[in-house]
PDB file of all heavy atoms in Angstrom:
ATOM      1  N   LYS A   1      30.100 -77.571  17.791  1.00  0.00           N
ATOM      2  CA  LYS A   1      29.889 -78.827  16.922  1.00  0.00           C
ATOM      3  C   LYS A   1      30.400 -79.957  17.676  1.00  0.00           C
ATOM      4  O   LYS A   1      31.168 -79.876  18.638  1.00  0.00           O
ATOM      5  CB  LYS A   1      30.597 -78.670  15.542  1.00  0.00           C
ATOM      6  CG  LYS A   1      32.085 -78.635  15.575  1.00  0.00           C
ATOM      7  CD  LYS A   1      32.684 -78.624  14.118  1.00  0.00           C
ATOM      8  CE  LYS A   1      34.205 -78.682  14.241  1.00  0.00           C
ATOM      9  NZ  LYS A   1      34.640 -78.528  12.798  1.00  0.00           N
ATOM     10  N   ALA A   2      29.959 -81.158  17.265  1.00  0.00           N
ATOM     11  CA  ALA A   2      30.386 -82.394  17.909  1.00  0.00           C
ATOM     12  C   ALA A   2      31.852 -82.688  17.539  1.00  0.00           C
ATOM     13  O   ALA A   2      32.356 -82.361  16.472  1.00  0.00           O
ATOM     14  CB  ALA A   2      29.503 -83.497  17.570  1.00  0.00           C
ATOM     15  N   ASN A   3      32.543 -83.307  18.589  1.00  0.00           N
ATOM     16  CA  ASN A   3      33.914 -83.808  18.263  1.00  0.00           C
ATOM     17  C   ASN A   3      34.913 -82.826  17.804  1.00  0.00           C
ATOM     18  O   ASN A   3      35.584 -83.061  16.828  1.00  0.00           O
ATOM     19  CB  ASN A   3      33.775 -84.949  17.284  1.00  0.00           C
ATOM     20  CG  ASN A   3      32.945 -86.113  17.862  1.00  0.00           C
ATOM     21  OD1 ASN A   3      32.970 -86.487  19.001  1.00  0.00           O
ATOM     22  ND2 ASN A   3      32.076 -86.622  16.963  1.00  0.00           N
ATOM     23  N   ILE A   4      34.979 -81.675  18.460  1.00  0.00           N
ATOM     24  CA  ILE A   4      36.130 -80.781  18.108  1.00  0.00           C
ATOM     25  C   ILE A   4      37.371 -81.300  18.650  1.00  0.00           C
ATOM     26  O   ILE A   4      37.516 -81.662  19.758  1.00  0.00           O
ATOM     27  CB  ILE A   4      35.851 -79.377  18.823  1.00  0.00           C
ATOM     28  CG1 ILE A   4      34.564 -78.737  18.296  1.00  0.00           C
ATOM     29  CG2 ILE A   4      37.065 -78.445  18.609  1.00  0.00           C
ATOM     30  CD1 ILE A   4      34.164 -77.472  18.953  1.00  0.00           C
ATOM     31  N   SER A   5      38.364 -81.453  17.737  1.00  0.00           N
ATOM     32  CA  SER A   5      39.588 -82.195  18.023  1.00  0.00           C
ATOM     33  C   SER A   5      40.709 -81.188  18.305  1.00  0.00           C
ATOM     34  O   SER A   5      41.836 -81.681  18.643  1.00  0.00           O
ATOM     35  CB  SER A   5      39.992 -83.131  16.835  1.00  0.00           C
ATOM     36  OG  SER A   5      40.104 -82.285  15.656  1.00  0.00           O
ATOM     37  N   LEU A   6      40.577 -80.002  18.286  1.00  0.00           N
ATOM     38  CA  LEU A   6      41.618 -79.016  18.518  1.00  0.00           C
ATOM     39  C   LEU A   6      42.040 -79.055  20.052  1.00  0.00           C
ATOM     40  O   LEU A   6      41.286 -79.241  20.934  1.00  0.00           O
ATOM     41  CB  LEU A   6      41.172 -77.503  18.228  1.00  0.00           C
ATOM     42  CG  LEU A   6      40.840 -77.264  16.751  1.00  0.00           C
ATOM     43  CD1 LEU A   6      40.262 -75.887  16.605  1.00  0.00           C
ATOM     44  CD2 LEU A   6      42.049 -77.429  15.903  1.00  0.00           C
ATOM     45  N   SER A   7      43.323 -78.765  20.291  1.00  0.00           N
ATOM     46  CA  SER A   7      43.777 -78.712  21.684  1.00  0.00           C
ATOM     47  C   SER A   7      43.498 -77.237  22.104  1.00  0.00           C
ATOM     48  O   SER A   7      43.345 -76.305  21.318  1.00  0.00           O
ATOM     49  CB  SER A   7      45.255 -78.952  21.787  1.00  0.00           C
ATOM     50  OG  SER A   7      46.011 -77.985  20.931  1.00  0.00           O
ATOM     51  N   ALA A   8      43.239 -77.211  23.519  1.00  0.00           N
ATOM     52  CA  ALA A   8      42.955 -75.840  24.102  1.00  0.00           C
ATOM     53  C   ALA A   8      43.797 -75.687  25.319  1.00  0.00           C
ATOM     54  O   ALA A   8      44.355 -76.608  26.022  1.00  0.00           O
ATOM     55  CB  ALA A   8      41.534 -75.874  24.442  1.00  0.00           C
ATOM     56  N   ASP A   9      43.894 -74.449  25.795  1.00  0.00           N
ATOM     57  CA  ASP A   9      44.591 -74.202  27.057  1.00  0.00           C
ATOM     58  C   ASP A   9      43.856 -74.825  28.241  1.00  0.00           C
ATOM     59  O   ASP A   9      44.537 -75.162  29.152  1.00  0.00           O
ATOM     60  CB  ASP A   9      44.634 -72.661  27.293  1.00  0.00           C
ATOM     61  CG  ASP A   9      45.519 -71.930  26.167  1.00  0.00           C
ATOM     62  OD1 ASP A   9      46.524 -72.520  25.792  1.00  0.00           O
ATOM     63  OD2 ASP A   9      44.994 -70.947  25.629  1.00  0.00           O
ATOM     64  N   LYS A  10      42.609 -74.937  28.063  1.00  0.00           N
ATOM     65  CA  LYS A  10      41.800 -75.478  29.263  1.00  0.00           C
ATOM     66  C   LYS A  10      40.654 -76.342  28.629  1.00  0.00           C
ATOM     67  O   LYS A  10      39.972 -75.853  27.757  1.00  0.00           O
ATOM     68  CB  LYS A  10      41.228 -74.390  30.129  1.00  0.00           C
ATOM     69  CG  LYS A  10      40.162 -74.781  31.083  1.00  0.00           C
ATOM     70  CD  LYS A  10      40.786 -75.529  32.297  1.00  0.00           C
ATOM     71  CE  LYS A  10      39.666 -75.860  33.414  1.00  0.00           C
ATOM     72  NZ  LYS A  10      40.253 -76.556  34.497  1.00  0.00           N
ATOM     73  N   THR A  11      40.518 -77.626  29.129  1.00  0.00           N
ATOM     74  CA  THR A  11      39.484 -78.480  28.698  1.00  0.00           C
ATOM     75  C   THR A  11      38.508 -78.748  29.785  1.00  0.00           C
ATOM     76  O   THR A  11      39.014 -79.138  30.965  1.00  0.00           O
ATOM     77  CB  THR A  11      40.025 -79.776  28.057  1.00  0.00           C
ATOM     78  OG1 THR A  11      40.855 -79.463  26.970  1.00  0.00           O
ATOM     79  CG2 THR A  11      38.820 -80.639  27.612  1.00  0.00           C
ATOM     80  N   ILE A  12      37.196 -78.539  29.648  1.00  0.00           N
ATOM     81  CA  ILE A  12      36.225 -78.886  30.657  1.00  0.00           C
ATOM     82  C   ILE A  12      35.480 -80.050  30.226  1.00  0.00           C
ATOM     83  O   ILE A  12      34.885 -80.072  29.118  1.00  0.00           O
ATOM     84  CB  ILE A  12      35.379 -77.615  30.931  1.00  0.00           C
ATOM     85  CG1 ILE A  12      36.171 -76.400  31.398  1.00  0.00           C
ATOM     86  CG2 ILE A  12      34.286 -77.928  31.952  1.00  0.00           C
ATOM     87  CD1 ILE A  12      35.380 -75.126  31.508  1.00  0.00           C
ATOM     88  N   ASP A  13      35.298 -80.987  31.086  1.00  0.00           N
ATOM     89  CA  ASP A  13      34.408 -82.175  30.799  1.00  0.00           C
ATOM     90  C   ASP A  13      32.980 -81.770  31.147  1.00  0.00           C
ATOM     91  O   ASP A  13      32.628 -81.553  32.215  1.00  0.00           O
ATOM     92  CB  ASP A  13      34.813 -83.358  31.697  1.00  0.00           C
ATOM     93  CG  ASP A  13      34.063 -84.663  31.400  1.00  0.00           C
ATOM     94  OD1 ASP A  13      33.135 -84.545  30.504  1.00  0.00           O
ATOM     95  OD2 ASP A  13      34.202 -85.711  32.121  1.00  0.00           O
ATOM     96  N   GLY A  14      32.132 -81.757  30.088  1.00  0.00           N
ATOM     97  CA  GLY A  14      30.758 -81.348  30.237  1.00  0.00           C
ATOM     98  C   GLY A  14      29.728 -82.394  30.396  1.00  0.00           C
ATOM     99  O   GLY A  14      28.565 -82.191  30.492  1.00  0.00           O
ATOM    100  N   LYS A  15      30.227 -83.640  30.688  1.00  0.00           N
ATOM    101  CA  LYS A  15      29.329 -84.786  30.849  1.00  0.00           C
ATOM    102  C   LYS A  15      28.446 -84.530  32.110  1.00  0.00           C
ATOM    103  O   LYS A  15      28.951 -84.125  33.196  1.00  0.00           O
ATOM    104  CB  LYS A  15      30.120 -86.088  31.055  1.00  0.00           C
ATOM    105  CG  LYS A  15      30.738 -86.625  29.749  1.00  0.00           C
ATOM    106  CD  LYS A  15      31.421 -87.831  29.986  1.00  0.00           C
ATOM    107  CE  LYS A  15      32.118 -88.407  28.644  1.00  0.00           C
ATOM    108  NZ  LYS A  15      32.946 -89.630  28.984  1.00  0.00           N
ATOM    109  N   GLY A  16      27.179 -84.780  31.934  1.00  0.00           N
ATOM    110  CA  GLY A  16      26.208 -84.639  33.108  1.00  0.00           C
ATOM    111  C   GLY A  16      25.875 -83.214  33.336  1.00  0.00           C
ATOM    112  O   GLY A  16      25.269 -82.855  34.351  1.00  0.00           O
ATOM    113  N   LYS A  17      26.264 -82.260  32.392  1.00  0.00           N
ATOM    114  CA  LYS A  17      25.890 -80.889  32.531  1.00  0.00           C
ATOM    115  C   LYS A  17      25.277 -80.273  31.260  1.00  0.00           C
ATOM    116  O   LYS A  17      25.395 -80.882  30.211  1.00  0.00           O
ATOM    117  CB  LYS A  17      27.226 -80.133  32.882  1.00  0.00           C
ATOM    118  CG  LYS A  17      27.906 -80.553  34.147  1.00  0.00           C
ATOM    119  CD  LYS A  17      29.234 -79.736  34.460  1.00  0.00           C
ATOM    120  CE  LYS A  17      29.854 -80.212  35.771  1.00  0.00           C
ATOM    121  NZ  LYS A  17      30.306 -81.617  35.620  1.00  0.00           N
ATOM    122  N   ALA A  18      24.654 -79.195  31.473  1.00  0.00           N
ATOM    123  CA  ALA A  18      23.987 -78.536  30.330  1.00  0.00           C
ATOM    124  C   ALA A  18      24.611 -77.127  30.252  1.00  0.00           C
ATOM    125  O   ALA A  18      24.942 -76.411  31.315  1.00  0.00           O
ATOM    126  CB  ALA A  18      22.463 -78.332  30.484  1.00  0.00           C
ATOM    127  N   LEU A  19      24.748 -76.543  29.074  1.00  0.00           N
ATOM    128  CA  LEU A  19      25.296 -75.262  28.842  1.00  0.00           C
ATOM    129  C   LEU A  19      24.187 -74.201  28.485  1.00  0.00           C
ATOM    130  O   LEU A  19      23.402 -74.476  27.612  1.00  0.00           O
ATOM    131  CB  LEU A  19      26.295 -75.328  27.733  1.00  0.00           C
ATOM    132  CG  LEU A  19      27.154 -74.041  27.521  1.00  0.00           C
ATOM    133  CD1 LEU A  19      28.135 -73.798  28.609  1.00  0.00           C
ATOM    134  CD2 LEU A  19      27.945 -74.140  26.125  1.00  0.00           C
ATOM    135  N   VAL A  20      24.098 -73.128  29.271  1.00  0.00           N
ATOM    136  CA  VAL A  20      23.185 -72.052  28.982  1.00  0.00           C
ATOM    137  C   VAL A  20      23.929 -70.724  29.028  1.00  0.00           C
ATOM    138  O   VAL A  20      25.036 -70.615  29.492  1.00  0.00           O
ATOM    139  CB  VAL A  20      22.011 -72.012  30.001  1.00  0.00           C
ATOM    140  CG1 VAL A  20      21.279 -73.348  29.872  1.00  0.00           C
ATOM    141  CG2 VAL A  20      22.541 -71.853  31.416  1.00  0.00           C
ATOM    142  N   ALA A  21      23.281 -69.681  28.473  1.00  0.00           N
ATOM    143  CA  ALA A  21      23.877 -68.350  28.608  1.00  0.00           C
ATOM    144  C   ALA A  21      23.874 -67.953  30.078  1.00  0.00           C
ATOM    145  O   ALA A  21      23.073 -68.264  30.884  1.00  0.00           O
ATOM    146  CB  ALA A  21      23.006 -67.504  27.774  1.00  0.00           C
ATOM    147  N   GLY A  22      24.914 -67.057  30.327  1.00  0.00           N
ATOM    148  CA  GLY A  22      24.942 -66.479  31.660  1.00  0.00           C
ATOM    149  C   GLY A  22      23.713 -65.606  31.866  1.00  0.00           C
ATOM    150  O   GLY A  22      23.106 -64.989  31.015  1.00  0.00           O
ATOM    151  N   LEU A  23      23.252 -65.557  33.127  1.00  0.00           N
ATOM    152  CA  LEU A  23      21.973 -64.879  33.480  1.00  0.00           C
ATOM    153  C   LEU A  23      22.269 -63.367  33.533  1.00  0.00           C
ATOM    154  O   LEU A  23      23.342 -62.948  33.805  1.00  0.00           O
ATOM    155  CB  LEU A  23      21.390 -65.420  34.741  1.00  0.00           C
ATOM    156  CG  LEU A  23      21.012 -66.872  34.762  1.00  0.00           C
ATOM    157  CD1 LEU A  23      20.461 -67.309  36.144  1.00  0.00           C
ATOM    158  CD2 LEU A  23      20.015 -67.230  33.610  1.00  0.00           C
ATOM    159  N   PHE A  24      21.234 -62.550  33.378  1.00  0.00           N
ATOM    160  CA  PHE A  24      21.298 -61.139  33.341  1.00  0.00           C
ATOM    161  C   PHE A  24      20.421 -60.548  34.410  1.00  0.00           C
ATOM    162  O   PHE A  24      19.213 -60.760  34.320  1.00  0.00           O
ATOM    163  CB  PHE A  24      20.992 -60.555  32.001  1.00  0.00           C
ATOM    164  CG  PHE A  24      20.713 -59.061  31.920  1.00  0.00           C
ATOM    165  CD1 PHE A  24      21.639 -58.238  32.384  1.00  0.00           C
ATOM    166  CD2 PHE A  24      19.548 -58.554  31.400  1.00  0.00           C
ATOM    167  CE1 PHE A  24      21.595 -56.851  32.267  1.00  0.00           C
ATOM    168  CE2 PHE A  24      19.322 -57.180  31.302  1.00  0.00           C
ATOM    169  CZ  PHE A  24      20.342 -56.265  31.803  1.00  0.00           C
ATOM    170  N   ASN A  25      20.897 -59.907  35.406  1.00  0.00           N
ATOM    171  CA  ASN A  25      20.128 -59.228  36.381  1.00  0.00           C
ATOM    172  C   ASN A  25      19.918 -57.803  35.943  1.00  0.00           C
ATOM    173  O   ASN A  25      20.856 -56.944  36.144  1.00  0.00           O
ATOM    174  CB  ASN A  25      20.884 -59.362  37.777  1.00  0.00           C
ATOM    175  CG  ASN A  25      20.045 -58.745  38.887  1.00  0.00           C
ATOM    176  OD1 ASN A  25      19.115 -58.064  38.760  1.00  0.00           O
ATOM    177  ND2 ASN A  25      20.450 -59.211  40.113  1.00  0.00           N
ATOM    178  N   GLY A  26      18.768 -57.420  35.589  1.00  0.00           N
ATOM    179  CA  GLY A  26      18.534 -56.151  34.992  1.00  0.00           C
ATOM    180  C   GLY A  26      18.387 -54.946  36.003  1.00  0.00           C
ATOM    181  O   GLY A  26      18.281 -53.774  35.477  1.00  0.00           O
TER     182      GLY A  26
END
C-alpha cells in the first residue's frame, strides 16, 4: 500500500524502478 510508515531492518528506495515477481526457469 502507499505510504507505509513502519520502520524496517532494511529500506530500499524504489524510485525509478518497477517491482515484478522473480523469474522462473522451468
